[in-house]
C-alpha atoms as a PDB file:
ATOM      1  CA  MET A   1      82.178 107.086  95.271  1.00  0.00           C
ATOM      2  CA  GLY A   2      82.076 104.544  98.556  1.00  0.00           C
ATOM      3  CA  ASN A   3      86.316 103.981  97.534  1.00  0.00           C
ATOM      4  CA  VAL A   4      86.498 107.452  96.973  1.00  0.00           C
ATOM      5  CA  SER A   5      84.893 108.058 100.442  1.00  0.00           C
ATOM      6  CA  ASP A   6      87.663 105.522 101.285  1.00  0.00           C
ATOM      7  CA  ASP A   7      90.246 107.276 100.462  1.00  0.00           C
ATOM      8  CA  HIS A   8      89.310 110.552 101.802  1.00  0.00           C
ATOM      9  CA  GLU A   9      89.431 108.741 105.343  1.00  0.00           C
ATOM     10  CA  ARG A  10      92.484 107.404 104.916  1.00  0.00           C
ATOM     11  CA  THR A  11      94.268 110.720 103.707  1.00  0.00           C
ATOM     12  CA  MET A  12      92.316 112.510 106.304  1.00  0.00           C
ATOM     13  CA  ALA A  13      93.290 110.029 109.150  1.00  0.00           C
ATOM     14  CA  PHE A  14      96.730 110.616 107.906  1.00  0.00           C
ATOM     15  CA  ALA A  15      96.078 114.766 108.221  1.00  0.00           C
ATOM     16  CA  ASP A  16      94.767 113.759 112.095  1.00  0.00           C
ATOM     17  CA  ILE A  17      97.864 112.058 112.858  1.00  0.00           C
ATOM     18  CA  ALA A  18      99.987 114.623 111.800  1.00  0.00           C
ATOM     19  CA  LEU A  19      98.295 117.121 113.557  1.00  0.00           C
ATOM     20  CA  GLY A  20      98.080 115.259 116.363  1.00  0.00           C
ATOM     21  CA  GLN A  21     102.046 114.998 116.255  1.00  0.00           C
ATOM     22  CA  ILE A  22     102.366 118.636 115.733  1.00  0.00           C
ATOM     23  CA  LYS A  23     100.124 119.545 119.180  1.00  0.00           C
ATOM     24  CA  ALA A  24     101.477 116.840 121.636  1.00  0.00           C
ATOM     25  CA  LEU A  25     105.351 118.372 120.468  1.00  0.00           C
ATOM     26  CA  ARG A  26     104.105 122.056 120.854  1.00  0.00           C
ATOM     27  CA  GLN A  27     105.505 122.694 117.237  1.00  0.00           C
ATOM     28  CA  ALA A  28     104.367 125.169 114.672  1.00  0.00           C
ATOM     29  CA  ALA A  29     102.053 124.138 112.260  1.00  0.00           C
ATOM     30  CA  THR A  30     103.975 125.288 109.554  1.00  0.00           C
ATOM     31  CA  PRO A  31     103.446 123.992 106.194  1.00  0.00           C
ATOM     32  CA  ARG A  32     107.517 122.560 106.223  1.00  0.00           C
ATOM     33  CA  ASN A  33     106.609 120.512 109.871  1.00  0.00           C
ATOM     34  CA  TYR A  34     102.911 119.560 108.429  1.00  0.00           C
ATOM     35  CA  GLU A  35     104.559 117.730 105.209  1.00  0.00           C
ATOM     36  CA  ILE A  36     107.548 115.787 107.646  1.00  0.00           C
ATOM     37  CA  TRP A  37     104.292 114.653 110.085  1.00  0.00           C
ATOM     38  CA  TYR A  38     102.069 113.337 107.460  1.00  0.00           C
ATOM     39  CA  ALA A  39     105.816 111.350 105.526  1.00  0.00           C
ATOM     40  CA  TYR A  40     105.474 109.718 108.702  1.00  0.00           C
ATOM     41  CA  ALA A  41     102.348 108.991 108.897  1.00  0.00           C
ATOM     42  CA  THR A  42     101.748 107.502 105.899  1.00  0.00           C
ATOM     43  CA  GLY A  43     105.197 105.814 106.362  1.00  0.00           C
ATOM     44  CA  TYR A  44     106.027 105.617 102.936  1.00  0.00           C
ATOM     45  CA  TRP A  45     109.834 106.710 104.272  1.00  0.00           C
ATOM     46  CA  PRO A  46     111.080 103.749 106.949  1.00  0.00           C
ATOM     47  CA  SER A  47     114.621 105.294 107.449  1.00  0.00           C
ATOM     48  CA  LEU A  48     112.737 108.881 107.896  1.00  0.00           C
ATOM     49  CA  ASN A  49     110.762 107.016 110.820  1.00  0.00           C
ATOM     50  CA  GLN A  50     113.165 105.424 112.293  1.00  0.00           C
ATOM     51  CA  GLN A  51     115.564 109.061 112.577  1.00  0.00           C
ATOM     52  CA  ILE A  52     111.855 110.770 114.154  1.00  0.00           C
ATOM     53  CA  ASN A  53     112.185 107.593 116.232  1.00  0.00           C
ATOM     54  CA  GLU A  54     115.714 107.497 117.429  1.00  0.00           C
ATOM     55  CA  THR A  55     115.652 111.353 118.031  1.00  0.00           C
ATOM     56  CA  LEU A  56     112.285 110.859 120.342  1.00  0.00           C
ATOM     57  CA  LYS A  57     114.066 107.847 122.354  1.00  0.00           C
ATOM     58  CA  HIS A  58     116.626 110.084 123.535  1.00  0.00           C
ATOM     59  CA  LYS A  59     115.464 113.430 123.120  1.00  0.00           C
ATOM     60  CA  GLY A  60     111.588 112.924 123.948  1.00  0.00           C
ATOM     61  CA  THR A  61     111.553 115.520 121.230  1.00  0.00           C
ATOM     62  CA  LEU A  62     112.648 117.175 117.833  1.00  0.00           C
ATOM     63  CA  THR A  63     113.950 120.644 118.043  1.00  0.00           C
ATOM     64  CA  ASP A  64     113.725 122.949 114.562  1.00  0.00           C
ATOM     65  CA  ALA A  65     117.324 121.382 114.067  1.00  0.00           C
ATOM     66  CA  ASP A  66     116.513 118.021 114.015  1.00  0.00           C
ATOM     67  CA  LEU A  67     113.476 119.096 112.289  1.00  0.00           C
ATOM     68  CA  ASP A  68     115.858 120.665 109.419  1.00  0.00           C
ATOM     69  CA  ASP A  69     118.272 117.899 109.047  1.00  0.00           C
ATOM     70  CA  ILE A  70     114.899 115.403 108.844  1.00  0.00           C
ATOM     71  CA  TYR A  71     113.139 117.878 106.074  1.00  0.00           C
ATOM     72  CA  ASP A  72     116.781 118.405 104.287  1.00  0.00           C
ATOM     73  CA  GLN A  73     117.962 114.533 104.061  1.00  0.00           C
ATOM     74  CA  PHE A  74     114.299 113.308 103.053  1.00  0.00           C
ATOM     75  CA  LEU A  75     112.445 115.797 101.382  1.00  0.00           C
ATOM     76  CA  ALA A  76     113.600 118.853 100.587  1.00  0.00           C
ATOM     77  CA  PRO A  77     113.448 119.050  96.269  1.00  0.00           C
ATOM     78  CA  THR A  78     117.118 119.919  96.493  1.00  0.00           C
ATOM     79  CA  ARG A  79     118.175 117.610  99.009  1.00  0.00           C
ATOM     80  CA  LEU A  80     119.879 115.364  96.653  1.00  0.00           C
ATOM     81  CA  THR A  81     122.790 118.254  95.185  1.00  0.00           C
ATOM     82  CA  ARG A  82     123.356 119.773  98.602  1.00  0.00           C
ATOM     83  CA  ARG A  83     124.063 115.759 100.217  1.00  0.00           C
ATOM     84  CA  ILE A  84     126.187 115.845  96.808  1.00  0.00           C
ATOM     85  CA  GLU A  85     127.750 119.342  97.282  1.00  0.00           C
ATOM     86  CA  ASN A  86     128.092 118.788 100.805  1.00  0.00           C
ATOM     87  CA  LEU A  87     130.466 115.179 100.884  1.00  0.00           C
ATOM     88  CA  GLY A  88     132.225 117.130  97.208  1.00  0.00           C
ATOM     89  CA  SER A  89     133.252 119.747 100.157  1.00  0.00           C
ATOM     90  CA  ARG A  90     134.771 117.399 102.392  1.00  0.00           C
ATOM     91  CA  VAL A  91     136.405 115.368  99.883  1.00  0.00           C
ATOM     92  CA  ARG A  92     138.103 118.947  98.662  1.00  0.00           C
ATOM     93  CA  ASP A  93     139.070 119.401 102.629  1.00  0.00           C
ATOM     94  CA  GLU A  94     140.777 116.444 102.782  1.00  0.00           C
ATOM     95  CA  ILE A  95     142.281 116.402 100.532  1.00  0.00           C
ATOM     96  CA  ASP A  96     144.056 119.970 100.779  1.00  0.00           C
ATOM     97  CA  GLN A  97     144.722 118.851 104.351  1.00  0.00           C
ATOM     98  CA  VAL A  98     146.791 115.610 103.204  1.00  0.00           C
ATOM     99  CA  MET A  99     148.360 118.168 100.634  1.00  0.00           C
ATOM    100  CA  ALA A 100     149.896 120.292 103.796  1.00  0.00           C
ATOM    101  CA  MET A 101     150.924 117.332 105.716  1.00  0.00           C
ATOM    102  CA  ILE A 102     152.609 116.350 102.368  1.00  0.00           C
ATOM    103  CA  ASP A 103     154.251 119.918 102.242  1.00  0.00           C
ATOM    104  CA  ALA A 104     155.468 119.450 105.460  1.00  0.00           C
ATOM    105  CA  ALA A 105     156.664 116.354 105.593  1.00  0.00           C
ATOM    106  CA  ALA A 106     158.540 117.427 102.498  1.00  0.00           C
ATOM    107  CA  GLY A 107     159.878 120.140 104.315  1.00  0.00           C
ATOM    108  CA  SER A 108     161.333 117.937 107.014  1.00  0.00           C
ATOM    109  CA  ALA A 109     163.217 115.785 104.520  1.00  0.00           C
ATOM    110  CA  SER A 110     164.482 118.869 103.053  1.00  0.00           C
ATOM    111  CA  SER A 111     165.611 119.771 106.417  1.00  0.00           C
ATOM    112  CA  TYR A 112     167.020 116.157 107.380  1.00  0.00           C
ATOM    113  CA  THR A 113     168.712 116.129 103.772  1.00  0.00           C
ATOM    114  CA  GLU A 114     170.308 119.735 104.393  1.00  0.00           C
ATOM    115  CA  SER A 115     171.556 118.209 108.049  1.00  0.00           C
ATOM    116  CA  LEU A 116     172.681 115.272 107.329  1.00  0.00           C
ATOM    117  CA  VAL A 117     175.134 117.075 104.835  1.00  0.00           C
ATOM    118  CA  ASP A 118     176.337 119.385 106.974  1.00  0.00           C
ATOM    119  CA  MET A 119     177.385 116.425 110.245  1.00  0.00           C
ATOM    120  CA  THR A 120     178.990 114.457 107.359  1.00  0.00           C
ATOM    121  CA  GLU A 121     180.904 117.702 106.840  1.00  0.00           C
ATOM    122  CA  LYS A 122     181.711 118.004 110.414  1.00  0.00           C
ATOM    123  CA  LEU A 123     182.455 114.548 110.034  1.00  0.00           C
ATOM    124  CA  GLY A 124     185.397 114.810 107.425  1.00  0.00           C
ATOM    125  CA  ALA A 125     186.518 118.037 109.145  1.00  0.00           C
ATOM    126  CA  SER A 126     186.465 116.009 113.159  1.00  0.00           C
ATOM    127  CA  LYS A 127     189.629 114.912 114.787  1.00  0.00           C
ATOM    128  CA  ASP A 128     188.038 115.426 118.767  1.00  0.00           C
ATOM    129  CA  ARG A 129     186.461 112.546 119.506  1.00  0.00           C
ATOM    130  CA  GLU A 130     184.005 114.139 121.693  1.00  0.00           C
ATOM    131  CA  ASP A 131     183.645 115.429 118.699  1.00  0.00           C
ATOM    132  CA  LEU A 132     182.686 113.175 116.640  1.00  0.00           C
ATOM    133  CA  ARG A 133     180.208 111.285 119.851  1.00  0.00           C
ATOM    134  CA  ALA A 134     178.195 114.527 119.529  1.00  0.00           C
ATOM    135  CA  ILE A 135     177.734 114.329 115.859  1.00  0.00           C
ATOM    136  CA  VAL A 136     176.837 111.128 115.714  1.00  0.00           C
ATOM    137  CA  GLU A 137     174.380 111.366 118.002  1.00  0.00           C
ATOM    138  CA  GLY A 138     172.644 114.314 116.649  1.00  0.00           C
ATOM    139  CA  ILE A 139     172.642 112.262 113.067  1.00  0.00           C
ATOM    140  CA  VAL A 140     170.716 109.633 115.060  1.00  0.00           C
ATOM    141  CA  GLN A 141     168.851 111.878 117.133  1.00  0.00           C
ATOM    142  CA  THR A 142     167.883 113.848 113.752  1.00  0.00           C
ATOM    143  CA  ALA A 143     166.510 110.101 112.059  1.00  0.00           C
ATOM    144  CA  LYS A 144     164.528 109.401 114.763  1.00  0.00           C
ATOM    145  CA  GLU A 145     162.532 112.806 114.484  1.00  0.00           C
ATOM    146  CA  MET A 146     162.460 111.970 110.903  1.00  0.00           C
ATOM    147  CA  GLU A 147     160.650 108.601 111.556  1.00  0.00           C
ATOM    148  CA  ALA A 148     158.403 109.719 113.500  1.00  0.00           C
ATOM    149  CA  THR A 149     157.348 111.936 111.193  1.00  0.00           C
ATOM    150  CA  ASN A 150     157.656 109.402 108.243  1.00  0.00           C
ATOM    151  CA  HIS A 151     154.813 107.200 110.942  1.00  0.00           C
ATOM    152  CA  GLN A 152     153.060 110.346 111.494  1.00  0.00           C
ATOM    153  CA  LEU A 153     152.582 110.614 107.532  1.00  0.00           C
ATOM    154  CA  GLU A 154     151.535 107.207 106.614  1.00  0.00           C
ATOM    155  CA  ALA A 155     149.146 107.192 109.339  1.00  0.00           C
ATOM    156  CA  ARG A 156     147.652 110.242 108.650  1.00  0.00           C
ATOM    157  CA  LEU A 157     147.589 109.157 104.552  1.00  0.00           C
ATOM    158  CA  ASN A 158     145.478 105.915 105.890  1.00  0.00           C
ATOM    159  CA  ALA A 159     143.216 107.567 108.106  1.00  0.00           C
ATOM    160  CA  SER A 160     142.473 109.920 104.863  1.00  0.00           C
ATOM    161  CA  LYS A 161     141.954 107.134 102.334  1.00  0.00           C
ATOM    162  CA  HIS A 162     139.898 105.551 104.693  1.00  0.00           C
ATOM    163  CA  GLU A 163     137.602 108.766 104.785  1.00  0.00           C
ATOM    164  CA  ILE A 164     138.350 109.593 100.785  1.00  0.00           C
ATOM    165  CA  ASN A 165     137.076 105.595  99.922  1.00  0.00           C
ATOM    166  CA  GLU A 166     133.760 106.295 102.571  1.00  0.00           C
ATOM    167  CA  LEU A 167     133.036 109.661 100.730  1.00  0.00           C
ATOM    168  CA  ARG A 168     133.346 107.958  97.270  1.00  0.00           C
ATOM    169  CA  ALA A 169     130.967 105.282  98.067  1.00  0.00           C
ATOM    170  CA  ARG A 170     128.507 107.951 100.366  1.00  0.00           C
ATOM    171  CA  LEU A 171     128.639 109.562  96.744  1.00  0.00           C
ATOM    172  CA  GLU A 172     127.732 106.786  94.617  1.00  0.00           C
ATOM    173  CA  ALA A 173     125.111 106.086  96.529  1.00  0.00           C
ATOM    174  CA  LEU A 174     124.168 109.690  96.352  1.00  0.00           C
ATOM    175  CA  HIS A 175     124.414 109.375  92.690  1.00  0.00           C
ATOM    176  CA  SER A 176     122.702 105.867  92.322  1.00  0.00           C
ATOM    177  CA  GLU A 177     119.554 107.634  93.967  1.00  0.00           C
ATOM    178  CA  SER A 178     119.401 110.788  91.759  1.00  0.00           C
ATOM    179  CA  LEU A 179     119.106 108.311  88.732  1.00  0.00           C
ATOM    180  CA  THR A 180     116.696 106.113  90.214  1.00  0.00           C
ATOM    181  CA  ASP A 181     112.245 106.381  90.647  1.00  0.00           C
ATOM    182  CA  PRO A 182     111.835 106.815  94.340  1.00  0.00           C
ATOM    183  CA  LEU A 183     108.423 104.893  94.466  1.00  0.00           C
ATOM    184  CA  THR A 184     109.232 101.557  92.365  1.00  0.00           C
ATOM    185  CA  GLN A 185     113.194 101.491  93.124  1.00  0.00           C
ATOM    186  CA  LEU A 186     113.210 101.068  89.460  1.00  0.00           C
ATOM    187  CA  ALA A 187     115.826 103.746  86.883  1.00  0.00           C
ATOM    188  CA  ASN A 188     114.008 107.134  86.861  1.00  0.00           C
ATOM    189  CA  ARG A 189     114.196 109.169  83.444  1.00  0.00           C
ATOM    190  CA  LYS A 190     116.705 110.908  83.733  1.00  0.00           C
ATOM    191  CA  PHE A 191     118.745 107.330  83.600  1.00  0.00           C
ATOM    192  CA  PHE A 192     116.890 105.656  80.775  1.00  0.00           C
ATOM    193  CA  ASP A 193     117.726 108.654  78.577  1.00  0.00           C
ATOM    194  CA  ASP A 194     120.650 108.526  79.161  1.00  0.00           C
ATOM    195  CA  MET A 195     121.364 104.435  78.608  1.00  0.00           C
ATOM    196  CA  LEU A 196     119.205 104.534  75.718  1.00  0.00           C
ATOM    197  CA  GLN A 197     121.579 107.070  73.877  1.00  0.00           C
ATOM    198  CA  LYS A 198     124.469 104.605  75.471  1.00  0.00           C
ATOM    199  CA  SER A 199     122.938 101.015  74.113  1.00  0.00           C
ATOM    200  CA  ILE A 200     121.910 102.677  70.876  1.00  0.00           C
ATOM    201  CA  ALA A 201     125.563 103.827  69.874  1.00  0.00           C
ATOM    202  CA  GLU A 202     127.537 100.969  71.379  1.00  0.00           C
ATOM    203  CA  ALA A 203     124.995  98.417  69.170  1.00  0.00           C
ATOM    204  CA  ARG A 204     126.249 100.115  65.504  1.00  0.00           C
ATOM    205  CA  MET A 205     129.482 100.058  67.238  1.00  0.00           C
ATOM    206  CA  HIS A 206     129.725  96.500  67.407  1.00  0.00           C
ATOM    207  CA  GLY A 207     126.868  95.190  65.266  1.00  0.00           C
ATOM    208  CA  GLN A 208     124.579  94.023  67.422  1.00  0.00           C
ATOM    209  CA  THR A 209     121.041  93.925  67.477  1.00  0.00           C
ATOM    210  CA  LEU A 210     119.058  96.691  69.951  1.00  0.00           C
ATOM    211  CA  SER A 211     115.048  96.991  71.173  1.00  0.00           C
ATOM    212  CA  LEU A 212     112.795  98.629  73.228  1.00  0.00           C
ATOM    213  CA  MET A 213     110.035  97.886  74.821  1.00  0.00           C
ATOM    214  CA  MET A 214     107.298 100.169  75.673  1.00  0.00           C
ATOM    215  CA  THR A 215     104.862  98.645  79.010  1.00  0.00           C
ATOM    216  CA  ASP A 216     101.663 100.742  80.441  1.00  0.00           C
ATOM    217  CA  ILE A 217      99.188  99.647  82.981  1.00  0.00           C
ATOM    218  CA  ASP A 218      96.008  99.264  81.721  1.00  0.00           C
ATOM    219  CA  ASP A 219      93.077 101.049  83.030  1.00  0.00           C
ATOM    220  CA  PHE A 220      95.125 102.599  85.904  1.00  0.00           C
ATOM    221  CA  LYS A 221      93.942 105.545  85.834  1.00  0.00           C
ATOM    222  CA  VAL A 222      90.168 103.657  86.449  1.00  0.00           C
ATOM    223  CA  PHE A 223      91.703 101.723  88.980  1.00  0.00           C
ATOM    224  CA  ASN A 224      92.848 104.998  90.613  1.00  0.00           C
ATOM    225  CA  ASP A 225      89.997 106.444  91.222  1.00  0.00           C
ATOM    226  CA  LYS A 226      88.363 103.768  92.704  1.00  0.00           C
ATOM    227  CA  TYR A 227      90.474 102.452  94.711  1.00  0.00           C
ATOM    228  CA  GLY A 228      92.842 105.404  96.295  1.00  0.00           C
ATOM    229  CA  HIS A 229      96.111 107.211  95.737  1.00  0.00           C
ATOM    230  CA  LEU A 230      98.248 104.920  97.895  1.00  0.00           C
ATOM    231  CA  THR A 231      96.771 101.113  96.349  1.00  0.00           C
ATOM    232  CA  GLY A 232      97.203 102.169  92.532  1.00  0.00           C
ATOM    233  CA  ASP A 233     101.306 103.278  94.172  1.00  0.00           C
ATOM    234  CA  GLN A 234     101.437  99.379  95.358  1.00  0.00           C
ATOM    235  CA  VAL A 235     100.018  98.380  92.301  1.00  0.00           C
ATOM    236  CA  LEU A 236     102.629 100.565  90.245  1.00  0.00           C
ATOM    237  CA  ARG A 237     105.075  98.438  92.897  1.00  0.00           C
ATOM    238  CA  LEU A 238     104.261  95.493  91.909  1.00  0.00           C
ATOM    239  CA  VAL A 239     104.811  95.798  88.224  1.00  0.00           C
ATOM    240  CA  ALA A 240     107.811  97.263  88.305  1.00  0.00           C
ATOM    241  CA  MET A 241     108.786  94.648  90.376  1.00  0.00           C
ATOM    242  CA  THR A 242     107.389  91.875  88.173  1.00  0.00           C
ATOM    243  CA  VAL A 243     109.290  93.925  85.315  1.00  0.00           C
ATOM    244  CA  LYS A 244     112.731  93.686  86.591  1.00  0.00           C
ATOM    245  CA  GLN A 245     112.194  89.901  87.684  1.00  0.00           C
ATOM    246  CA  ASN A 246     112.237  88.722  84.670  1.00  0.00           C
ATOM    247  CA  VAL A 247     115.051  90.769  82.438  1.00  0.00           C
ATOM    248  CA  LYS A 248     118.617  89.999  82.500  1.00  0.00           C
ATOM    249  CA  GLY A 249     121.451  91.817  84.303  1.00  0.00           C
ATOM    250  CA  GLN A 250     122.046  93.225  81.285  1.00  0.00           C
ATOM    251  CA  ASP A 251     119.020  95.293  80.333  1.00  0.00           C
ATOM    252  CA  VAL A 252     117.670  98.266  81.617  1.00  0.00           C
ATOM    253  CA  THR A 253     114.196  98.836  83.584  1.00  0.00           C
ATOM    254  CA  ALA A 254     113.196 102.168  83.818  1.00  0.00           C
ATOM    255  CA  ARG A 255     109.856 104.376  85.094  1.00  0.00           C
ATOM    256  CA  TYR A 256     109.442 106.140  82.366  1.00  0.00           C
ATOM    257  CA  GLY A 257     106.268 108.964  83.544  1.00  0.00           C
ATOM    258  CA  GLY A 258     102.830 107.315  85.706  1.00  0.00           C
ATOM    259  CA  GLU A 259     102.153 104.342  84.841  1.00  0.00           C
ATOM    260  CA  GLU A 260     104.608 103.388  81.727  1.00  0.00           C
ATOM    261  CA  PHE A 261     107.263 101.615  82.525  1.00  0.00           C
ATOM    262  CA  ALA A 262     110.488 100.758  79.684  1.00  0.00           C
ATOM    263  CA  VAL A 263     112.947  98.289  79.091  1.00  0.00           C
ATOM    264  CA  ILE A 264     115.850  98.533  76.569  1.00  0.00           C
ATOM    265  CA  LEU A 265     117.340  94.990  75.394  1.00  0.00           C
ATOM    266  CA  PRO A 266     120.916  95.250  73.785  1.00  0.00           C
ATOM    267  CA  ASN A 267     121.848  92.553  71.627  1.00  0.00           C
ATOM    268  CA  THR A 268     118.262  90.987  71.754  1.00  0.00           C
ATOM    269  CA  THR A 269     116.238  90.550  68.760  1.00  0.00           C
ATOM    270  CA  LEU A 270     112.609  91.757  67.808  1.00  0.00           C
ATOM    271  CA  ARG A 271     111.772  88.085  68.297  1.00  0.00           C
ATOM    272  CA  SER A 272     113.569  87.690  71.476  1.00  0.00           C
ATOM    273  CA  ALA A 273     112.204  90.436  72.821  1.00  0.00           C
ATOM    274  CA  ILE A 274     108.265  90.073  71.987  1.00  0.00           C
ATOM    275  CA  THR A 275     108.859  86.127  74.589  1.00  0.00           C
ATOM    276  CA  LEU A 276     110.094  88.799  76.702  1.00  0.00           C
ATOM    277  CA  ALA A 277     107.299  90.965  76.519  1.00  0.00           C
ATOM    278  CA  ASP A 278     104.750  88.255  76.794  1.00  0.00           C
ATOM    279  CA  GLN A 279     106.115  86.730  79.619  1.00  0.00           C
ATOM    280  CA  ILE A 280     105.987  89.693  81.385  1.00  0.00           C
ATOM    281  CA  ARG A 281     102.582  90.224  80.132  1.00  0.00           C
ATOM    282  CA  ARG A 282     101.770  86.833  81.381  1.00  0.00           C
ATOM    283  CA  ALA A 283     103.101  87.198  84.816  1.00  0.00           C
ATOM    284  CA  VAL A 284     102.193  90.413  86.048  1.00  0.00           C
ATOM    285  CA  MET A 285      98.211  88.630  84.199  1.00  0.00           C
ATOM    286  CA  ALA A 286      98.681  85.973  87.045  1.00  0.00           C
ATOM    287  CA  LYS A 287      99.201  87.952  90.297  1.00  0.00           C
ATOM    288  CA  GLU A 288      96.115  88.849  92.148  1.00  0.00           C
ATOM    289  CA  LEU A 289      95.940  91.768  94.136  1.00  0.00           C
ATOM    290  CA  MET A 290      95.184  92.530  97.878  1.00  0.00           C
ATOM    291  CA  LYS A 291      94.391  95.679  99.215  1.00  0.00           C
ATOM    292  CA  ARG A 292      96.999  95.761 102.889  1.00  0.00           C
ATOM    293  CA  SER A 293      94.582  97.770 104.617  1.00  0.00           C
ATOM    294  CA  THR A 294      91.475  96.095 104.688  1.00  0.00           C
ATOM    295  CA  GLY A 295      92.108  92.773 103.261  1.00  0.00           C
ATOM    296  CA  GLU A 296      90.021  93.191 100.434  1.00  0.00           C
ATOM    297  CA  HIS A 297      90.812  91.257  97.138  1.00  0.00           C
ATOM    298  CA  LEU A 298      90.728  93.519  94.250  1.00  0.00           C
ATOM    299  CA  GLY A 299      91.015  91.761  91.417  1.00  0.00           C
ATOM    300  CA  ARG A 300      94.081  90.965  89.061  1.00  0.00           C
ATOM    301  CA  ILE A 301      95.275  94.037  86.537  1.00  0.00           C
ATOM    302  CA  THR A 302      97.077  93.771  82.699  1.00  0.00           C
ATOM    303  CA  ILE A 303      99.611  95.523  80.838  1.00  0.00           C
ATOM    304  CA  SER A 304     100.197  96.297  77.482  1.00  0.00           C
ATOM    305  CA  VAL A 305     103.514  96.402  75.737  1.00  0.00           C
ATOM    306  CA  GLY A 306     104.585  98.032  72.676  1.00  0.00           C
ATOM    307  CA  VAL A 307     107.986  96.665  71.301  1.00  0.00           C
ATOM    308  CA  ALA A 308     110.458  98.383  68.462  1.00  0.00           C
ATOM    309  CA  THR A 309     114.319  97.872  67.462  1.00  0.00           C
ATOM    310  CA  LEU A 310     117.181  99.594  66.051  1.00  0.00           C
ATOM    311  CA  HIS A 311     116.777 100.275  62.709  1.00  0.00           C
ATOM    312  CA  LYS A 312     119.532 102.134  60.593  1.00  0.00           C
ATOM    313  CA  THR A 313     118.449 105.647  60.280  1.00  0.00           C
ATOM    314  CA  ASP A 314     116.929 105.561  63.986  1.00  0.00           C
ATOM    315  CA  ASN A 315     117.768 108.545  66.692  1.00  0.00           C
ATOM    316  CA  ALA A 316     116.447 107.760  70.590  1.00  0.00           C
ATOM    317  CA  GLN A 317     113.786 109.784  69.814  1.00  0.00           C
ATOM    318  CA  SER A 318     112.611 107.379  66.960  1.00  0.00           C
ATOM    319  CA  LEU A 319     113.007 104.501  68.417  1.00  0.00           C
ATOM    320  CA  ILE A 320     111.483 105.887  71.474  1.00  0.00           C
ATOM    321  CA  GLU A 321     107.924 106.541  69.196  1.00  0.00           C
ATOM    322  CA  ARG A 322     107.806 103.521  67.315  1.00  0.00           C
ATOM    323  CA  ALA A 323     107.994 101.219  70.397  1.00  0.00           C
ATOM    324  CA  ASP A 324     105.099 103.876  72.199  1.00  0.00           C
ATOM    325  CA  ALA A 325     102.753 103.576  68.225  1.00  0.00           C
ATOM    326  CA  CYS A 326     102.965 100.007  69.295  1.00  0.00           C
ATOM    327  CA  LEU A 327     102.426 100.335  72.643  1.00  0.00           C
ATOM    328  CA  TYR A 328      98.691 102.839  71.644  1.00  0.00           C
ATOM    329  CA  ALA A 329      97.778 100.406  69.265  1.00  0.00           C
ATOM    330  CA  ALA A 330      98.001  97.148  71.488  1.00  0.00           C
ATOM    331  CA  LYS A 331      95.517  99.468  73.746  1.00  0.00           C
ATOM    332  CA  ARG A 332      93.595 100.032  70.648  1.00  0.00           C
ATOM    333  CA  GLN A 333      93.286  96.135  69.697  1.00  0.00           C
ATOM    334  CA  GLY A 334      91.815  95.344  73.332  1.00  0.00           C
ATOM    335  CA  ARG A 335      94.761  96.090  76.031  1.00  0.00           C
ATOM    336  CA  ASN A 336      96.090  92.785  77.707  1.00  0.00           C
ATOM    337  CA  ARG A 337      98.285  92.026  74.229  1.00  0.00           C
ATOM    338  CA  VAL A 338     102.148  92.807  73.099  1.00  0.00           C
ATOM    339  CA  ILE A 339     102.224  94.363  69.854  1.00  0.00           C
ATOM    340  CA  CYS A 340     105.788  94.858  67.288  1.00  0.00           C
ATOM    341  CA  GLU A 341     106.159  97.232  65.013  1.00  0.00           C
ATOM    342  CA  ILE A 342     105.904  94.250  62.430  1.00  0.00           C
ATOM    343  CA  ASP A 343     102.439  93.218  63.472  1.00  0.00           C
ATOM    344  CA  PRO A 344      99.038  93.270  60.734  1.00  0.00           C
ATOM    345  CA  GLU A 345      97.772  96.046  63.928  1.00  0.00           C
ATOM    346  CA  MET A 346     100.598  98.621  62.516  1.00  0.00           C
ATOM    347  CA  THR A 347      99.221  98.812  59.213  1.00  0.00           C
ATOM    348  CA  SER A 348      95.498  98.862  60.493  1.00  0.00           C
ATOM    349  CA  GLY A 349      94.740 102.651  61.159  1.00  0.00           C
ATOM    350  CA  PHE A 350      94.529 102.257  64.913  1.00  0.00           C
ATOM    351  CA  ALA A 351      98.120 102.993  65.692  1.00  0.00           C
ATOM    352  CA  SER A 352      98.146 106.495  64.849  1.00  0.00           C
ATOM    353  CA  ALA A 353      96.202 108.217  67.865  1.00  0.00           C
ATOM    354  CA  ALA A 354      96.963 107.250  71.828  1.00  0.00           C
ATOM    355  CA  PRO A 355      94.423 105.960  73.957  1.00  0.00           C
ATOM    356  CA  ALA A 356      92.916 106.482  77.193  1.00  0.00           C
ATOM    357  CA  ALA A 357      95.040 104.664  79.716  1.00  0.00           C
END
C-alpha cells in the first residue's frame, strides 16, 4: 500500500506544480491550461518544456495565443491532422504562386516574340539609318527586359523548390509521427497492421518465409500497481529499446497494445525467429531496473514470447491469433519463456485460454 501512496504523492506533486504555475502567471484554471502545466511538470515532453521556457524567457509570460499554440502542437488529439492539413495548404499555395508566375512569364515570352516579329518586319522595310538604330535599340531593350524576367522566374523557382522540399520533409516527419507510439518510439498498431499485410503479400510474391513474434511483459500489472505508472512507463521504454536493439533493419517492431509488443520478421524461418526471441528474452532479463526518482533497485523483469510462421492458408488475423496462442501458452507454462507453434505445449490444452498479464 505504501507504493500506491508514493504514486499518489508523486502525481499530487505534479498537480501542485501545475496549479502553482497557473497561479504565478495568473492564468485561467481551465482544463486546457492545467493539462499543459501538468505535462510540463512531468517532463514527458522535452520539446514542450523547451518551448515554454523559451517563451517565458523572452516574454516573461504566456499569452492565450501562446497556450493555444502549445496545446495544438503537443497535446491536442487532432494536432497531427491539423498540422498535416496546414502543411498541405502551404504546399498548394506555393504551387499556385509558382504557376501564376510561370503564366506571367509565358505571357511575357509571347509579347517578346510578337515584338521581335514586328521589329523584324520593320527592319526589312526600313531604309533609314536612324530608323534602323531605333529598331535595334528596341530589340536590345526588349531582350534585356526578357532576360530580367527570366532571372526573376529562375530565382522564384529556386526559392519555391527549397520551400517545397522543406515542407515535404516536414510532411514526411508528421506522417512518421502519426505512425509512431509516443511512449516507446516504436511503430504503433496502425503501422503494424499495414506492414503485416504488406509483408505477407511480399513473402508470397517472392516465395519467402515470414515469422511473427508476439511479446508480453510478465506480471506487468502487478509491477505497475506496486511501483506506479511512471515507473511502469520506464519499463515499457526499456523493453521496447531492448527489442529494437536486437532486431535487423528489415524487421518491424511495434507496440501492439498495452505491455504487448510485436515483431514482423520478413524472410525469417521459424527456427531463426525462435533463436531471436530467446535472445531478446535473455537480454531483457539481464537488465536490472532502478527507480529514477529514488535510485531504488527494483530487481529484474521478464517477458514471455510466442512465435508463429506464415502458412499457405494464413491471412494477417490468423497469423496473429496463432502467435498470440503461443504467447498465452508461454504465460500458462510459467512465463519467462519462448513457445512456438510446433512446441508440445501448443497441443497440451493450456494455450486455449488467455492468462493474466
